[in-house]
C-alpha atoms as a PDB file:
ATOM      1  CA  UNK A   1     -27.812  -2.726  -5.430  1.00  0.00           C
ATOM      2  CA  UNK A   2     -30.138  -3.866  -8.205  1.00  0.00           C
ATOM      3  CA  UNK A   3     -30.386  -1.946 -11.525  1.00  0.00           C
ATOM      4  CA  UNK A   4     -33.810  -0.452 -10.766  1.00  0.00           C
ATOM      5  CA  UNK A   5     -32.628   1.074  -7.467  1.00  0.00           C
ATOM      6  CA  UNK A   6     -29.529   2.487  -9.162  1.00  0.00           C
ATOM      7  CA  UNK A   7     -31.626   4.086 -11.889  1.00  0.00           C
ATOM      8  CA  UNK A   8     -34.002   5.557  -9.308  1.00  0.00           C
ATOM      9  CA  UNK A   9     -31.041   7.103  -7.486  1.00  0.00           C
ATOM     10  CA  UNK A  10     -29.858   8.928 -10.604  1.00  0.00           C
ATOM     11  CA  UNK A  11     -33.239  10.515 -11.200  1.00  0.00           C
ATOM     12  CA  UNK A  12     -35.333   8.239 -13.398  1.00  0.00           C
ATOM     13  CA  UNK A  13     -38.923   7.505 -12.395  1.00  0.00           C
ATOM     14  CA  UNK A  14     -40.602   4.084 -12.463  1.00  0.00           C
ATOM     15  CA  UNK A  15     -41.992   4.370 -15.999  1.00  0.00           C
ATOM     16  CA  UNK A  16     -38.698   5.707 -17.370  1.00  0.00           C
ATOM     17  CA  UNK A  17     -36.912   2.737 -15.811  1.00  0.00           C
ATOM     18  CA  UNK A  18     -39.402   0.268 -17.351  1.00  0.00           C
ATOM     19  CA  UNK A  19     -38.962   1.804 -20.782  1.00  0.00           C
ATOM     20  CA  UNK A  20     -35.164   2.052 -20.545  1.00  0.00           C
ATOM     21  CA  UNK A  21     -34.817  -1.585 -19.456  1.00  0.00           C
ATOM     22  CA  UNK A  22     -37.140  -2.644 -22.287  1.00  0.00           C
ATOM     23  CA  UNK A  23     -34.996  -0.673 -24.735  1.00  0.00           C
ATOM     24  CA  UNK A  24     -31.868  -2.447 -23.516  1.00  0.00           C
ATOM     25  CA  UNK A  25     -33.543  -5.787 -24.237  1.00  0.00           C
ATOM     26  CA  UNK A  26     -35.039  -4.778 -27.591  1.00  0.00           C
ATOM     27  CA  UNK A  27     -32.475  -2.458 -29.133  1.00  0.00           C
ATOM     28  CA  UNK A  28     -33.777  -0.032 -31.786  1.00  0.00           C
ATOM     29  CA  UNK A  29     -37.574  -0.375 -31.802  1.00  0.00           C
ATOM     30  CA  UNK A  30     -40.821   1.374 -32.598  1.00  0.00           C
ATOM     31  CA  UNK A  31     -42.983   2.954 -29.920  1.00  0.00           C
ATOM     32  CA  UNK A  32     -45.571   0.183 -30.423  1.00  0.00           C
ATOM     33  CA  UNK A  33     -43.023  -2.593 -29.811  1.00  0.00           C
ATOM     34  CA  UNK A  34     -41.587  -0.794 -26.776  1.00  0.00           C
ATOM     35  CA  UNK A  35     -45.086  -0.224 -25.429  1.00  0.00           C
ATOM     36  CA  UNK A  36     -45.947  -3.920 -25.666  1.00  0.00           C
ATOM     37  CA  UNK A  37     -42.653  -5.034 -24.092  1.00  0.00           C
ATOM     38  CA  UNK A  38     -42.838  -2.609 -21.174  1.00  0.00           C
ATOM     39  CA  UNK A  39     -46.569  -2.958 -20.537  1.00  0.00           C
ATOM     40  CA  UNK A  40     -47.021   0.821 -20.742  1.00  0.00           C
ATOM     41  CA  UNK A  41     -49.733   2.254 -22.995  1.00  0.00           C
ATOM     42  CA  UNK A  42     -48.484   3.647 -26.299  1.00  0.00           C
ATOM     43  CA  UNK A  43     -49.281   7.378 -25.703  1.00  0.00           C
ATOM     44  CA  UNK A  44     -47.590   7.248 -22.299  1.00  0.00           C
ATOM     45  CA  UNK A  45     -44.664   5.245 -23.675  1.00  0.00           C
ATOM     46  CA  UNK A  46     -44.095   7.926 -26.333  1.00  0.00           C
ATOM     47  CA  UNK A  47     -43.992  10.700 -23.706  1.00  0.00           C
ATOM     48  CA  UNK A  48     -41.607   8.642 -21.535  1.00  0.00           C
ATOM     49  CA  UNK A  49     -39.336   8.016 -24.527  1.00  0.00           C
ATOM     50  CA  UNK A  50     -39.272  11.751 -25.226  1.00  0.00           C
ATOM     51  CA  UNK A  51     -38.188  12.321 -21.625  1.00  0.00           C
ATOM     52  CA  UNK A  52     -35.434   9.687 -21.905  1.00  0.00           C
ATOM     53  CA  UNK A  53     -34.160  11.341 -25.088  1.00  0.00           C
ATOM     54  CA  UNK A  54     -34.037  14.734 -23.331  1.00  0.00           C
ATOM     55  CA  UNK A  55     -32.172  13.192 -20.382  1.00  0.00           C
ATOM     56  CA  UNK A  56     -29.672  11.468 -22.663  1.00  0.00           C
ATOM     57  CA  UNK A  57     -30.717   7.872 -21.982  1.00  0.00           C
ATOM     58  CA  UNK A  58     -32.200   7.183 -25.407  1.00  0.00           C
ATOM     59  CA  UNK A  59     -31.897   8.444 -28.962  1.00  0.00           C
ATOM     60  CA  UNK A  60     -34.419   8.934 -31.768  1.00  0.00           C
ATOM     61  CA  UNK A  61     -33.674   7.407 -35.195  1.00  0.00           C
ATOM     62  CA  UNK A  62     -35.702   8.306 -38.295  1.00  0.00           C
ATOM     63  CA  UNK A  63     -35.707   5.664 -41.048  1.00  0.00           C
ATOM     64  CA  UNK A  64     -37.916   6.725 -43.935  1.00  0.00           C
ATOM     65  CA  UNK A  65     -41.395   7.034 -42.508  1.00  0.00           C
ATOM     66  CA  UNK A  66     -40.502   5.107 -39.351  1.00  0.00           C
ATOM     67  CA  UNK A  67     -39.326   6.601 -36.083  1.00  0.00           C
ATOM     68  CA  UNK A  68     -37.303   4.267 -33.885  1.00  0.00           C
ATOM     69  CA  UNK A  69     -35.918   4.709 -30.418  1.00  0.00           C
ATOM     70  CA  UNK A  70     -32.643   3.174 -29.214  1.00  0.00           C
ATOM     71  CA  UNK A  71     -31.048   2.999 -25.754  1.00  0.00           C
ATOM     72  CA  UNK A  72     -27.818   4.773 -24.954  1.00  0.00           C
ATOM     73  CA  UNK A  73     -25.000   2.494 -23.770  1.00  0.00           C
ATOM     74  CA  UNK A  74     -25.238   1.781 -19.982  1.00  0.00           C
ATOM     75  CA  UNK A  75     -21.838   3.467 -19.495  1.00  0.00           C
ATOM     76  CA  UNK A  76     -23.652   6.654 -20.468  1.00  0.00           C
ATOM     77  CA  UNK A  77     -25.240   6.544 -16.991  1.00  0.00           C
ATOM     78  CA  UNK A  78     -21.841   7.135 -15.406  1.00  0.00           C
ATOM     79  CA  UNK A  79     -21.161  10.044 -17.753  1.00  0.00           C
ATOM     80  CA  UNK A  80     -24.558  11.573 -16.962  1.00  0.00           C
ATOM     81  CA  UNK A  81     -23.984  11.247 -13.211  1.00  0.00           C
ATOM     82  CA  UNK A  82     -20.528  12.820 -13.507  1.00  0.00           C
ATOM     83  CA  UNK A  83     -21.959  15.684 -15.552  1.00  0.00           C
ATOM     84  CA  UNK A  84     -24.692  16.332 -12.976  1.00  0.00           C
ATOM     85  CA  UNK A  85     -22.127  16.249 -10.173  1.00  0.00           C
ATOM     86  CA  UNK A  86     -19.929  18.747 -12.036  1.00  0.00           C
ATOM     87  CA  UNK A  87     -22.887  21.084 -12.587  1.00  0.00           C
ATOM     88  CA  UNK A  88     -23.817  20.833  -8.912  1.00  0.00           C
ATOM     89  CA  UNK A  89     -20.242  21.545  -7.808  1.00  0.00           C
ATOM     90  CA  UNK A  90     -20.278  24.726  -9.908  1.00  0.00           C
ATOM     91  CA  UNK A  91     -23.367  26.145  -8.167  1.00  0.00           C
ATOM     92  CA  UNK A  92     -22.552  24.977  -4.614  1.00  0.00           C
ATOM     93  CA  UNK A  93     -20.561  28.177  -3.782  1.00  0.00           C
ATOM     94  CA  UNK A  94     -23.623  30.282  -4.701  1.00  0.00           C
ATOM     95  CA  UNK A  95     -25.904  28.047  -2.659  1.00  0.00           C
ATOM     96  CA  UNK A  96     -23.557  28.284   0.331  1.00  0.00           C
ATOM     97  CA  UNK A  97     -23.722  32.094   0.179  1.00  0.00           C
ATOM     98  CA  UNK A  98     -27.514  31.922   0.214  1.00  0.00           C
ATOM     99  CA  UNK A  99     -27.370  29.442   3.108  1.00  0.00           C
ATOM    100  CA  UNK A 100     -25.172  31.726   5.222  1.00  0.00           C
ATOM    101  CA  UNK A 101     -27.345  34.771   4.524  1.00  0.00           C
ATOM    102  CA  UNK A 102     -30.444  33.274   6.103  1.00  0.00           C
ATOM    103  CA  UNK A 103     -31.508  35.397   9.012  1.00  0.00           C
ATOM    104  CA  UNK A 104     -32.872  32.546  11.077  1.00  0.00           C
ATOM    105  CA  UNK A 105     -30.874  29.363  10.839  1.00  0.00           C
ATOM    106  CA  UNK A 106     -32.361  26.293  12.534  1.00  0.00           C
ATOM    107  CA  UNK A 107     -30.141  25.145  15.404  1.00  0.00           C
ATOM    108  CA  UNK A 108     -31.993  21.934  16.217  1.00  0.00           C
ATOM    109  CA  UNK A 109     -33.341  19.301  13.833  1.00  0.00           C
ATOM    110  CA  UNK A 110     -35.385  16.287  14.839  1.00  0.00           C
ATOM    111  CA  UNK A 111     -35.564  13.154  12.684  1.00  0.00           C
ATOM    112  CA  UNK A 112     -38.352  10.750  13.619  1.00  0.00           C
ATOM    113  CA  UNK A 113     -39.119   7.259  12.390  1.00  0.00           C
ATOM    114  CA  UNK A 114     -36.762   4.525  11.246  1.00  0.00           C
ATOM    115  CA  UNK A 115     -36.892   5.569   7.579  1.00  0.00           C
ATOM    116  CA  UNK A 116     -35.974   9.175   8.344  1.00  0.00           C
ATOM    117  CA  UNK A 117     -33.048   8.521  10.683  1.00  0.00           C
ATOM    118  CA  UNK A 118     -30.576   7.535   7.961  1.00  0.00           C
ATOM    119  CA  UNK A 119     -30.747  11.128   6.675  1.00  0.00           C
ATOM    120  CA  UNK A 120     -29.534  12.501   9.992  1.00  0.00           C
ATOM    121  CA  UNK A 121     -25.860  12.010   9.155  1.00  0.00           C
ATOM    122  CA  UNK A 122     -25.994  13.514   5.631  1.00  0.00           C
ATOM    123  CA  UNK A 123     -24.074  16.613   6.773  1.00  0.00           C
ATOM    124  CA  UNK A 124     -21.216  14.463   8.073  1.00  0.00           C
ATOM    125  CA  UNK A 125     -19.973  13.780   4.544  1.00  0.00           C
ATOM    126  CA  UNK A 126     -20.024  17.514   3.795  1.00  0.00           C
ATOM    127  CA  UNK A 127     -18.500  18.860   7.021  1.00  0.00           C
ATOM    128  CA  UNK A 128     -15.984  15.984   7.472  1.00  0.00           C
ATOM    129  CA  UNK A 129     -13.125  16.949   9.849  1.00  0.00           C
ATOM    130  CA  UNK A 130     -12.616  14.998  13.082  1.00  0.00           C
ATOM    131  CA  UNK A 131     -15.621  12.720  13.517  1.00  0.00           C
ATOM    132  CA  UNK A 132     -16.412  11.021  16.836  1.00  0.00           C
ATOM    133  CA  UNK A 133     -18.958   8.245  17.460  1.00  0.00           C
ATOM    134  CA  UNK A 134     -20.006   6.262  20.495  1.00  0.00           C
ATOM    135  CA  UNK A 135     -22.684   3.613  20.725  1.00  0.00           C
ATOM    136  CA  UNK A 136     -23.660  -0.032  20.400  1.00  0.00           C
ATOM    137  CA  UNK A 137     -22.577  -1.182  16.936  1.00  0.00           C
ATOM    138  CA  UNK A 138     -25.336  -3.715  16.204  1.00  0.00           C
ATOM    139  CA  UNK A 139     -28.105  -1.261  17.085  1.00  0.00           C
ATOM    140  CA  UNK A 140     -26.417   1.604  15.233  1.00  0.00           C
ATOM    141  CA  UNK A 141     -25.997  -0.442  12.052  1.00  0.00           C
ATOM    142  CA  UNK A 142     -29.695  -1.315  12.100  1.00  0.00           C
ATOM    143  CA  UNK A 143     -30.622   2.369  12.344  1.00  0.00           C
ATOM    144  CA  UNK A 144     -28.051   3.858   9.931  1.00  0.00           C
ATOM    145  CA  UNK A 145     -27.408   1.261   7.170  1.00  0.00           C
ATOM    146  CA  UNK A 146     -26.794   3.811   4.401  1.00  0.00           C
ATOM    147  CA  UNK A 147     -24.476   5.879   6.601  1.00  0.00           C
ATOM    148  CA  UNK A 148     -22.315   2.810   7.217  1.00  0.00           C
ATOM    149  CA  UNK A 149     -22.344   2.044   3.458  1.00  0.00           C
ATOM    150  CA  UNK A 150     -21.121   5.559   2.702  1.00  0.00           C
ATOM    151  CA  UNK A 151     -18.501   5.249   5.394  1.00  0.00           C
ATOM    152  CA  UNK A 152     -17.207   2.087   3.672  1.00  0.00           C
ATOM    153  CA  UNK A 153     -16.560   3.873   0.378  1.00  0.00           C
ATOM    154  CA  UNK A 154     -15.577   7.356   1.571  1.00  0.00           C
ATOM    155  CA  UNK A 155     -11.938   8.427   1.265  1.00  0.00           C
ATOM    156  CA  UNK A 156     -10.545   9.183   4.732  1.00  0.00           C
ATOM    157  CA  UNK A 157      -7.543  11.493   5.123  1.00  0.00           C
ATOM    158  CA  UNK A 158      -5.817  13.799   7.611  1.00  0.00           C
ATOM    159  CA  UNK A 159      -8.730  16.175   7.008  1.00  0.00           C
ATOM    160  CA  UNK A 160     -11.382  13.507   7.539  1.00  0.00           C
ATOM    161  CA  UNK A 161     -10.736  11.129  10.425  1.00  0.00           C
ATOM    162  CA  UNK A 162     -13.020   8.887  12.480  1.00  0.00           C
ATOM    163  CA  UNK A 163     -12.742   7.641  16.054  1.00  0.00           C
ATOM    164  CA  UNK A 164     -15.341   5.310  17.531  1.00  0.00           C
ATOM    165  CA  UNK A 165     -16.178   4.059  21.003  1.00  0.00           C
ATOM    166  CA  UNK A 166     -18.128   0.818  20.694  1.00  0.00           C
ATOM    167  CA  UNK A 167     -19.515  -1.944  22.874  1.00  0.00           C
ATOM    168  CA  UNK A 168     -17.141  -4.853  23.388  1.00  0.00           C
ATOM    169  CA  UNK A 169     -19.070  -7.389  21.309  1.00  0.00           C
ATOM    170  CA  UNK A 170     -18.117  -9.940  18.673  1.00  0.00           C
ATOM    171  CA  UNK A 171     -19.655  -7.713  15.978  1.00  0.00           C
ATOM    172  CA  UNK A 172     -17.667  -4.706  17.167  1.00  0.00           C
ATOM    173  CA  UNK A 173     -14.397  -6.636  17.228  1.00  0.00           C
ATOM    174  CA  UNK A 174     -14.948  -7.896  13.676  1.00  0.00           C
ATOM    175  CA  UNK A 175     -15.931  -4.393  12.521  1.00  0.00           C
ATOM    176  CA  UNK A 176     -12.856  -2.845  14.174  1.00  0.00           C
ATOM    177  CA  UNK A 177     -10.505  -5.321  12.521  1.00  0.00           C
ATOM    178  CA  UNK A 178     -12.054  -4.424   9.153  1.00  0.00           C
ATOM    179  CA  UNK A 179     -12.092  -0.604   9.336  1.00  0.00           C
ATOM    180  CA  UNK A 180      -9.162   0.317  11.594  1.00  0.00           C
ATOM    181  CA  UNK A 181      -6.341   2.196   9.951  1.00  0.00           C
ATOM    182  CA  UNK A 182      -4.336   5.385   9.952  1.00  0.00           C
ATOM    183  CA  UNK A 183      -7.419   7.625   9.846  1.00  0.00           C
ATOM    184  CA  UNK A 184      -9.969   5.364  11.540  1.00  0.00           C
ATOM    185  CA  UNK A 185      -9.465   4.275  15.146  1.00  0.00           C
ATOM    186  CA  UNK A 186     -11.766   2.147  17.301  1.00  0.00           C
ATOM    187  CA  UNK A 187     -11.794   1.475  21.035  1.00  0.00           C
ATOM    188  CA  UNK A 188     -14.207  -0.426  23.235  1.00  0.00           C
ATOM    189  CA  UNK A 189     -16.382   0.883  26.042  1.00  0.00           C
ATOM    190  CA  UNK A 190     -15.811  -0.977  29.333  1.00  0.00           C
ATOM    191  CA  UNK A 191     -18.699  -3.244  30.277  1.00  0.00           C
ATOM    192  CA  UNK A 192     -19.183  -1.220  33.488  1.00  0.00           C
ATOM    193  CA  UNK A 193     -20.500   1.644  31.335  1.00  0.00           C
ATOM    194  CA  UNK A 194     -23.037  -0.510  29.512  1.00  0.00           C
ATOM    195  CA  UNK A 195     -25.880  -0.856  28.563  1.00  0.00           C
ATOM    196  CA  UNK A 196     -25.395   1.996  26.108  1.00  0.00           C
ATOM    197  CA  UNK A 197     -28.676   2.473  24.290  1.00  0.00           C
ATOM    198  CA  UNK A 198     -27.978   5.742  22.507  1.00  0.00           C
ATOM    199  CA  UNK A 199     -25.879   6.538  19.476  1.00  0.00           C
ATOM    200  CA  UNK A 200     -23.903   9.799  19.742  1.00  0.00           C
ATOM    201  CA  UNK A 201     -22.072  11.401  16.848  1.00  0.00           C
ATOM    202  CA  UNK A 202     -20.008  14.587  16.948  1.00  0.00           C
ATOM    203  CA  UNK A 203     -18.627  16.406  13.899  1.00  0.00           C
ATOM    204  CA  UNK A 204     -18.085  20.081  13.153  1.00  0.00           C
ATOM    205  CA  UNK A 205     -20.578  21.965  15.343  1.00  0.00           C
ATOM    206  CA  UNK A 206     -23.067  19.078  15.200  1.00  0.00           C
ATOM    207  CA  UNK A 207     -23.966  16.747  18.048  1.00  0.00           C
ATOM    208  CA  UNK A 208     -26.379  13.982  17.068  1.00  0.00           C
ATOM    209  CA  UNK A 209     -28.110  11.974  19.782  1.00  0.00           C
ATOM    210  CA  UNK A 210     -30.139   8.974  18.652  1.00  0.00           C
ATOM    211  CA  UNK A 211     -32.469   6.690  20.549  1.00  0.00           C
ATOM    212  CA  UNK A 212     -31.722   3.231  19.137  1.00  0.00           C
ATOM    213  CA  UNK A 213     -34.275   1.220  21.098  1.00  0.00           C
ATOM    214  CA  UNK A 214     -38.078   1.306  21.067  1.00  0.00           C
ATOM    215  CA  UNK A 215     -38.411   4.976  20.052  1.00  0.00           C
ATOM    216  CA  UNK A 216     -36.668   5.962  16.831  1.00  0.00           C
ATOM    217  CA  UNK A 217     -35.536   9.586  16.748  1.00  0.00           C
ATOM    218  CA  UNK A 218     -32.383  11.616  16.271  1.00  0.00           C
ATOM    219  CA  UNK A 219     -31.796  15.118  17.614  1.00  0.00           C
ATOM    220  CA  UNK A 220     -29.204  17.135  15.694  1.00  0.00           C
ATOM    221  CA  UNK A 221     -27.969  20.036  17.842  1.00  0.00           C
ATOM    222  CA  UNK A 222     -25.882  22.539  15.909  1.00  0.00           C
ATOM    223  CA  UNK A 223     -23.936  24.378  18.586  1.00  0.00           C
ATOM    224  CA  UNK A 224     -20.203  24.967  18.937  1.00  0.00           C
ATOM    225  CA  UNK A 225     -20.433  24.950  22.739  1.00  0.00           C
ATOM    226  CA  UNK A 226     -22.426  21.711  23.004  1.00  0.00           C
ATOM    227  CA  UNK A 227     -20.189  19.966  20.465  1.00  0.00           C
ATOM    228  CA  UNK A 228     -17.159  21.041  22.491  1.00  0.00           C
ATOM    229  CA  UNK A 229     -18.704  19.669  25.700  1.00  0.00           C
ATOM    230  CA  UNK A 230     -19.506  16.298  24.128  1.00  0.00           C
ATOM    231  CA  UNK A 231     -16.000  16.116  22.683  1.00  0.00           C
ATOM    232  CA  UNK A 232     -14.637  16.507  26.211  1.00  0.00           C
ATOM    233  CA  UNK A 233     -16.890  13.668  27.437  1.00  0.00           C
ATOM    234  CA  UNK A 234     -15.749  11.526  24.519  1.00  0.00           C
ATOM    235  CA  UNK A 235     -12.060  12.182  25.273  1.00  0.00           C
ATOM    236  CA  UNK A 236     -12.528  11.219  28.937  1.00  0.00           C
ATOM    237  CA  UNK A 237     -14.159   7.950  27.886  1.00  0.00           C
ATOM    238  CA  UNK A 238     -11.496   7.379  25.229  1.00  0.00           C
ATOM    239  CA  UNK A 239      -8.684   7.377  27.797  1.00  0.00           C
ATOM    240  CA  UNK A 240     -10.336   4.569  29.766  1.00  0.00           C
ATOM    241  CA  UNK A 241     -11.516   2.592  26.729  1.00  0.00           C
ATOM    242  CA  UNK A 242      -9.859  -0.618  25.566  1.00  0.00           C
ATOM    243  CA  UNK A 243      -7.817  -0.551  22.341  1.00  0.00           C
ATOM    244  CA  UNK A 244      -8.195  -3.237  19.677  1.00  0.00           C
ATOM    245  CA  UNK A 245      -6.551  -6.496  20.831  1.00  0.00           C
ATOM    246  CA  UNK A 246      -3.227  -7.085  19.065  1.00  0.00           C
ATOM    247  CA  UNK A 247      -4.416 -10.610  18.189  1.00  0.00           C
ATOM    248  CA  UNK A 248      -6.997  -9.264  15.696  1.00  0.00           C
END
């Protein structure tokens, strides 16, 4: 990930990023110097600098009649992110109470378009538990790149396990050899059951069905009964699926 994307993800806008990066290059500087370096007009640059000071990414230094602005050390970004996470964790219980009190809770969500689909699995990393997937790896990775990135860095445990049924392809074999472990198991769908042009994920009371060819949409069905039914289908397929070859 490049620095600009990382800064966007922690809540800075485009102009704030331009100014902060200019500050890192310049060090303590006047608004005029920062404005020229960043290419942002002086009045706007001043307002952006004020915002960065309030967010803890810059500091104001008064030297006689001069006012200078200086960047905070880049490690400050980690501290800021940790602080925001801590604040969010403190209010989550209250938000959960509000969530449960809603009279009408949506039971079905539809995600349409390639850009929207990667949001479909956001709840997975909250609900956790026993997660089941089945699909064609290459197609699924094209549709859910960020989900696979999160899966790479997430900490699996006895309370968060993954089992996957994948197509028996070179990509799937390489993927299985990389991710398989105590809490992550992969088996391969027999060729007689292919082509498999849908991605199915089951976790908690969620069943996600995704079209991974031509049309791009995911249906998230939140139903205990439907999730239970799909788990049964998964288990039947699991018993006839091929385990990872011992040679890998």
